[in-house]
Amino acid sequence: MTLEVIRNIFAWCLVMNLAVLILWLLIYLIAKDWIYKIHGEWFKIPRETFNAVHYKSLGYFKMIVFVFNLVPYIAMHIVG
């Protein structure tokens, strides 16, 4: 594998993970009540906890995407 191939892999991973992140955010913003209704039946959590869990999870996922996709992609551009 060449550096160019690995760089392209990281670029596509970044694009796909950002698409998942944006899709998750849009679905959460558009259908928040519906999602809460479904999860509320399963887990019996208050609305504040539900919102905090989604907010925290979106933040963690964004950090993971940046650390494991964006940073290596930028490093490979610097190196080669």
Protein backbone atom coordinates (compact mmCIF):
# COMPACT_ATOMS: atom_id res chain seq x y z
CA MET A 1 0.00 0.00 0.00
CA THR A 2 1.23 3.42 -0.84
CA LEU A 3 0.86 6.55 1.24
CA GLU A 4 -1.65 7.87 -1.30
CA VAL A 5 -3.91 4.83 -0.87
CA ILE A 6 -3.82 5.06 2.91
CA ARG A 7 -4.49 8.81 2.72
CA ASN A 8 -7.53 8.13 0.52
CA ILE A 9 -8.78 5.52 3.00
CA PHE A 10 -8.59 8.04 5.84
CA ALA A 11 -10.29 10.68 3.69
CA TRP A 12 -13.22 8.37 2.90
CA CYS A 13 -13.45 7.24 6.53
CA LEU A 14 -13.62 10.89 7.54
CA VAL A 15 -16.35 11.65 4.98
CA MET A 16 -18.45 8.64 6.01
CA ASN A 17 -18.07 9.29 9.73
CA LEU A 18 -18.96 12.96 9.32
CA ALA A 19 -22.02 11.90 7.31
CA VAL A 20 -23.07 9.62 10.18
CA LEU A 21 -22.51 12.44 12.67
CA ILE A 22 -24.56 14.92 10.63
CA LEU A 23 -27.31 12.36 10.03
CA TRP A 24 -27.46 11.56 13.74
CA LEU A 25 -27.67 15.26 14.59
CA LEU A 26 -30.39 15.94 12.00
CA ILE A 27 -32.49 12.97 13.07
CA TYR A 28 -32.11 14.00 16.70
CA LEU A 29 -33.11 17.60 15.96
CA ILE A 30 -36.05 16.68 13.72
CA ALA A 31 -37.45 13.65 15.58
CA LYS A 32 -36.34 14.27 19.18
CA ASP A 33 -39.80 13.63 20.65
CA TRP A 34 -40.30 10.41 18.68
CA ILE A 35 -36.86 9.09 19.68
CA TYR A 36 -37.50 10.00 23.31
CA LYS A 37 -40.87 8.26 23.21
CA ILE A 38 -39.31 5.02 21.97
CA HIS A 39 -36.34 5.12 24.35
CA GLY A 40 -38.54 6.29 27.20
CA GLU A 41 -40.62 3.12 26.90
CA TRP A 42 -37.50 0.96 27.04
CA PHE A 43 -35.42 2.71 29.71
CA LYS A 44 -37.67 5.08 31.73
CA ILE A 45 -35.25 8.01 31.76
CA PRO A 46 -36.15 11.67 32.28
CA ARG A 47 -36.01 14.08 29.34
CA GLU A 48 -33.00 15.96 30.77
CA THR A 49 -30.98 12.75 31.04
CA PHE A 50 -31.99 11.76 27.51
CA ASN A 51 -30.83 15.11 26.12
CA ALA A 52 -27.58 14.96 28.11
CA VAL A 53 -26.81 11.45 26.87
CA HIS A 54 -27.31 12.44 23.23
CA TYR A 55 -25.32 15.65 23.63
CA LYS A 56 -22.44 13.83 25.31
CA SER A 57 -22.51 10.97 22.81
CA LEU A 58 -22.43 13.35 19.84
CA GLY A 59 -19.44 15.10 21.40
CA TYR A 60 -17.58 11.84 22.05
CA PHE A 61 -18.26 10.60 18.53
CA LYS A 62 -17.05 13.90 17.05
CA MET A 63 -13.83 13.72 19.09
CA ILE A 64 -13.24 10.12 18.01
CA VAL A 65 -13.77 11.02 14.35
CA PHE A 66 -11.35 13.92 14.60
CA VAL A 67 -8.68 11.98 16.50
CA PHE A 68 -8.82 8.76 14.48
CA ASN A 69 -9.69 10.10 11.00
CA LEU A 70 -8.87 13.79 10.61
CA VAL A 71 -5.57 13.91 12.52
CA PRO A 72 -3.99 10.94 10.66
CA TYR A 73 -5.25 12.37 7.35
CA ILE A 74 -3.62 15.74 8.05
CA ALA A 75 -0.43 14.04 9.32
CA MET A 76 -0.17 12.05 6.10
CA HIS A 77 -0.52 15.23 4.07
CA ILE A 78 2.30 16.79 6.10
CA VAL A 79 4.57 13.76 5.73
CA GLY A 80 4.00 13.06 2.08
